[in-house]
C-alpha atoms as a PDB file:
ATOM      1  CA  UNK A   1     -54.834  88.735 -44.571  1.00  0.00           C
ATOM      2  CA  UNK A   2     -54.571  86.956 -40.759  1.00  0.00           C
ATOM      3  CA  UNK A   3     -54.356  83.806 -42.042  1.00  0.00           C
ATOM      4  CA  UNK A   4     -51.754  84.617 -44.369  1.00  0.00           C
ATOM      5  CA  UNK A   5     -49.806  85.694 -42.047  1.00  0.00           C
ATOM      6  CA  UNK A   6     -50.635  82.691 -39.643  1.00  0.00           C
ATOM      7  CA  UNK A   7     -49.509  80.268 -42.860  1.00  0.00           C
ATOM      8  CA  UNK A   8     -45.971  82.840 -43.365  1.00  0.00           C
ATOM      9  CA  UNK A   9     -45.508  81.948 -40.340  1.00  0.00           C
ATOM     10  CA  UNK A  10     -45.224  78.479 -39.649  1.00  0.00           C
ATOM     11  CA  UNK A  11     -43.826  78.210 -43.375  1.00  0.00           C
ATOM     12  CA  UNK A  12     -40.516  80.118 -41.676  1.00  0.00           C
ATOM     13  CA  UNK A  13     -40.906  77.885 -38.732  1.00  0.00           C
ATOM     14  CA  UNK A  14     -41.164  74.908 -41.086  1.00  0.00           C
ATOM     15  CA  UNK A  15     -38.492  75.946 -42.948  1.00  0.00           C
ATOM     16  CA  UNK A  16     -36.067  76.737 -39.477  1.00  0.00           C
ATOM     17  CA  UNK A  17     -36.620  73.482 -38.508  1.00  0.00           C
ATOM     18  CA  UNK A  18     -35.246  71.608 -41.790  1.00  0.00           C
ATOM     19  CA  UNK A  19     -32.319  73.504 -41.723  1.00  0.00           C
ATOM     20  CA  UNK A  20     -31.077  72.421 -38.306  1.00  0.00           C
ATOM     21  CA  UNK A  21     -32.345  68.735 -39.104  1.00  0.00           C
ATOM     22  CA  UNK A  22     -29.822  68.790 -42.099  1.00  0.00           C
ATOM     23  CA  UNK A  23     -26.608  69.389 -39.162  1.00  0.00           C
ATOM     24  CA  UNK A  24     -27.403  65.991 -38.277  1.00  0.00           C
ATOM     25  CA  UNK A  25     -26.321  64.121 -35.070  1.00  0.00           C
ATOM     26  CA  UNK A  26     -22.686  63.981 -34.129  1.00  0.00           C
ATOM     27  CA  UNK A  27     -23.103  60.673 -32.263  1.00  0.00           C
ATOM     28  CA  UNK A  28     -24.903  59.048 -34.960  1.00  0.00           C
ATOM     29  CA  UNK A  29     -21.949  60.579 -37.561  1.00  0.00           C
ATOM     30  CA  UNK A  30     -19.372  58.981 -35.556  1.00  0.00           C
ATOM     31  CA  UNK A  31     -21.140  55.585 -34.992  1.00  0.00           C
ATOM     32  CA  UNK A  32     -21.928  55.105 -38.959  1.00  0.00           C
ATOM     33  CA  UNK A  33     -18.326  56.257 -39.130  1.00  0.00           C
ATOM     34  CA  UNK A  34     -17.297  53.050 -37.474  1.00  0.00           C
ATOM     35  CA  UNK A  35     -19.570  50.485 -38.704  1.00  0.00           C
ATOM     36  CA  UNK A  36     -18.469  51.714 -42.150  1.00  0.00           C
ATOM     37  CA  UNK A  37     -15.020  51.798 -41.233  1.00  0.00           C
ATOM     38  CA  UNK A  38     -15.310  48.132 -40.082  1.00  0.00           C
ATOM     39  CA  UNK A  39     -17.172  46.764 -43.260  1.00  0.00           C
ATOM     40  CA  UNK A  40     -14.944  48.875 -45.308  1.00  0.00           C
ATOM     41  CA  UNK A  41     -17.748  51.075 -47.016  1.00  0.00           C
ATOM     42  CA  UNK A  42     -15.560  53.245 -49.041  1.00  0.00           C
ATOM     43  CA  UNK A  43     -18.399  56.164 -50.350  1.00  0.00           C
ATOM     44  CA  UNK A  44     -19.637  55.948 -46.814  1.00  0.00           C
ATOM     45  CA  UNK A  45     -16.712  56.295 -45.483  1.00  0.00           C
ATOM     46  CA  UNK A  46     -15.777  59.628 -48.080  1.00  0.00           C
ATOM     47  CA  UNK A  47     -19.167  61.155 -47.281  1.00  0.00           C
ATOM     48  CA  UNK A  48     -18.592  61.321 -43.193  1.00  0.00           C
ATOM     49  CA  UNK A  49     -14.679  61.910 -43.239  1.00  0.00           C
ATOM     50  CA  UNK A  50     -14.216  65.813 -42.628  1.00  0.00           C
ATOM     51  CA  UNK A  51     -12.084  67.178 -44.987  1.00  0.00           C
ATOM     52  CA  UNK A  52      -8.833  67.485 -42.782  1.00  0.00           C
ATOM     53  CA  UNK A  53      -8.878  63.823 -43.010  1.00  0.00           C
ATOM     54  CA  UNK A  54      -9.487  63.087 -46.984  1.00  0.00           C
ATOM     55  CA  UNK A  55      -5.559  62.451 -47.045  1.00  0.00           C
ATOM     56  CA  UNK A  56      -5.696  59.708 -44.832  1.00  0.00           C
ATOM     57  CA  UNK A  57      -8.505  58.540 -47.070  1.00  0.00           C
ATOM     58  CA  UNK A  58      -7.186  55.265 -48.053  1.00  0.00           C
ATOM     59  CA  UNK A  59      -5.930  53.872 -45.016  1.00  0.00           C
ATOM     60  CA  UNK A  60      -9.405  54.764 -43.272  1.00  0.00           C
ATOM     61  CA  UNK A  61     -11.317  52.223 -46.052  1.00  0.00           C
ATOM     62  CA  UNK A  62      -8.490  49.595 -45.731  1.00  0.00           C
ATOM     63  CA  UNK A  63      -7.884  49.393 -42.075  1.00  0.00           C
ATOM     64  CA  UNK A  64      -9.876  45.929 -41.128  1.00  0.00           C
ATOM     65  CA  UNK A  65      -9.219  44.831 -45.215  1.00  0.00           C
ATOM     66  CA  UNK A  66      -7.523  41.587 -44.015  1.00  0.00           C
ATOM     67  CA  UNK A  67      -9.458  40.344 -41.509  1.00  0.00           C
ATOM     68  CA  UNK A  68     -12.316  38.290 -41.206  1.00  0.00           C
ATOM     69  CA  UNK A  69     -15.846  39.023 -39.021  1.00  0.00           C
ATOM     70  CA  UNK A  70     -14.836  42.196 -37.589  1.00  0.00           C
ATOM     71  CA  UNK A  71     -17.323  43.559 -35.595  1.00  0.00           C
ATOM     72  CA  UNK A  72     -18.534  45.858 -33.298  1.00  0.00           C
ATOM     73  CA  UNK A  73     -19.498  44.788 -29.987  1.00  0.00           C
ATOM     74  CA  UNK A  74     -21.447  47.273 -27.075  1.00  0.00           C
ATOM     75  CA  UNK A  75     -20.986  50.675 -28.971  1.00  0.00           C
ATOM     76  CA  UNK A  76     -22.297  53.561 -26.739  1.00  0.00           C
ATOM     77  CA  UNK A  77     -21.404  56.557 -27.796  1.00  0.00           C
ATOM     78  CA  UNK A  78     -22.520  60.724 -26.103  1.00  0.00           C
ATOM     79  CA  UNK A  79     -22.047  64.366 -27.747  1.00  0.00           C
ATOM     80  CA  UNK A  80     -20.289  66.557 -25.442  1.00  0.00           C
ATOM     81  CA  UNK A  81     -20.892  69.986 -27.172  1.00  0.00           C
ATOM     82  CA  UNK A  82     -18.057  72.086 -25.192  1.00  0.00           C
ATOM     83  CA  UNK A  83     -15.340  70.030 -26.546  1.00  0.00           C
ATOM     84  CA  UNK A  84     -16.707  68.885 -29.977  1.00  0.00           C
ATOM     85  CA  UNK A  85     -16.297  65.209 -28.871  1.00  0.00           C
ATOM     86  CA  UNK A  86     -17.793  61.786 -28.770  1.00  0.00           C
ATOM     87  CA  UNK A  87     -16.983  59.867 -26.604  1.00  0.00           C
ATOM     88  CA  UNK A  88     -17.903  55.995 -27.341  1.00  0.00           C
ATOM     89  CA  UNK A  89     -17.130  52.666 -25.249  1.00  0.00           C
ATOM     90  CA  UNK A  90     -17.353  49.070 -26.566  1.00  0.00           C
ATOM     91  CA  UNK A  91     -15.194  47.414 -29.099  1.00  0.00           C
ATOM     92  CA  UNK A  92     -14.056  47.113 -32.537  1.00  0.00           C
ATOM     93  CA  UNK A  93     -13.359  42.445 -32.195  1.00  0.00           C
ATOM     94  CA  UNK A  94     -11.642  41.762 -35.502  1.00  0.00           C
ATOM     95  CA  UNK A  95     -10.096  37.927 -35.894  1.00  0.00           C
ATOM     96  CA  UNK A  96      -6.831  37.903 -37.903  1.00  0.00           C
ATOM     97  CA  UNK A  97      -6.063  34.366 -38.663  1.00  0.00           C
ATOM     98  CA  UNK A  98      -7.033  32.748 -35.734  1.00  0.00           C
ATOM     99  CA  UNK A  99      -6.453  35.307 -33.472  1.00  0.00           C
ATOM    100  CA  UNK A 100      -9.346  37.448 -31.699  1.00  0.00           C
ATOM    101  CA  UNK A 101      -7.719  41.593 -31.458  1.00  0.00           C
ATOM    102  CA  UNK A 102      -9.874  43.530 -29.712  1.00  0.00           C
ATOM    103  CA  UNK A 103      -9.494  47.465 -30.082  1.00  0.00           C
ATOM    104  CA  UNK A 104     -11.790  49.604 -27.234  1.00  0.00           C
ATOM    105  CA  UNK A 105     -13.542  52.555 -29.313  1.00  0.00           C
ATOM    106  CA  UNK A 106     -12.291  55.842 -27.889  1.00  0.00           C
ATOM    107  CA  UNK A 107     -12.953  59.514 -28.137  1.00  0.00           C
ATOM    108  CA  UNK A 108     -13.345  60.997 -31.668  1.00  0.00           C
ATOM    109  CA  UNK A 109     -13.190  64.739 -32.899  1.00  0.00           C
ATOM    110  CA  UNK A 110     -16.361  66.015 -35.294  1.00  0.00           C
ATOM    111  CA  UNK A 111     -16.639  69.004 -36.706  1.00  0.00           C
ATOM    112  CA  UNK A 112     -19.537  70.606 -38.706  1.00  0.00           C
ATOM    113  CA  UNK A 113     -18.790  71.634 -42.817  1.00  0.00           C
ATOM    114  CA  UNK A 114     -21.464  72.063 -45.017  1.00  0.00           C
ATOM    115  CA  UNK A 115     -23.682  72.086 -42.510  1.00  0.00           C
ATOM    116  CA  UNK A 116     -23.567  68.373 -41.558  1.00  0.00           C
ATOM    117  CA  UNK A 117     -20.877  66.598 -38.861  1.00  0.00           C
ATOM    118  CA  UNK A 118     -17.716  65.417 -39.917  1.00  0.00           C
ATOM    119  CA  UNK A 119     -15.501  62.638 -38.385  1.00  0.00           C
ATOM    120  CA  UNK A 120     -12.048  64.095 -37.754  1.00  0.00           C
ATOM    121  CA  UNK A 121     -10.175  61.377 -36.276  1.00  0.00           C
ATOM    122  CA  UNK A 122      -9.459  60.536 -32.636  1.00  0.00           C
ATOM    123  CA  UNK A 123      -9.671  63.035 -29.565  1.00  0.00           C
ATOM    124  CA  UNK A 124      -6.834  63.857 -27.878  1.00  0.00           C
ATOM    125  CA  UNK A 125      -6.428  63.806 -24.468  1.00  0.00           C
END
């Protein structure tokens, strides 16, 4: 009987750990979102976009559509739990014709929906 109780306790701990793992990492969500945006990866963008921002899906997927070789350089992000904000440093570099343009990374709002972190736009000041 003791073995059964121990087994049950371990099972409960395992299930609890799995449910927390499903919540994901807000920093990883933002980093994956930005990488998908630069690559024009519609499916990944759609999966990481919060429901509030679904109306701008087309804009988000086409942002770098007309540029050559858009890349992210020196990206480093941190999460502030108190504000549900992921702050990033680094930049997106894109080539428009022959002119290289840099877009500095900023802070982004994240929310949890259906147990997963979602990108929900740039965070205000």
